[in-house]
Amino acid sequence: MERTKRVAIVISGLLLSACTTHAQQTSAGLDSTLDAMAGQPVDVAIAWLGEPIGSAPMGPDLVYGWGQTFTSTEYTNAAPGFVEAADFKGGVFPAPRHTVQNNCVIRMVVGADGLIRDWDYQGSDRGCRAYADRPGSHAMLRAAS
């Protein structure tokens, strides 16, 4: 019984550290991809992110924006110990669950010459992960260079 508790504690710690690491990887991946776009034509960003949802003038520059929002359902409380298969009712994780709003907004400042000058983004890890995990983003940026 004591060994089971230790295994459960170690697994819980690993799961929590994996979540933190993935959030840091998402942020770092998106940061490096957007950094690589600086100095590139805005068409590179459009090819990777799709058509912007809008643009607005800012002095002599133009600010383009991309964004998304969606909801997901997350498990609220960790069950102590192991959950037997017979206890599962209604999905992968037993109740209680809650709905979470996920979002991400990316903005790019483009100069009159059509080149990306600066960028920023904000949003939840899960919301921005969709942009960070796009396949081929780094290969596409290298080809545009």
Foldseek 3Di string as FASTA:
>chain_A
DVVQQVVQVVVVVVVVVVVVVLLVVLVVLVVVLVVLQAFFFCVLVCVQQNAFPDWDDDVQKIKTKHKDKDKDKDADDDDPGDDDPVNDDDDDDDDDIDMDMWMKMKMFIAHPVRGTHDIDMDIDSVHSSVSSPDPPSVVSSVVRD
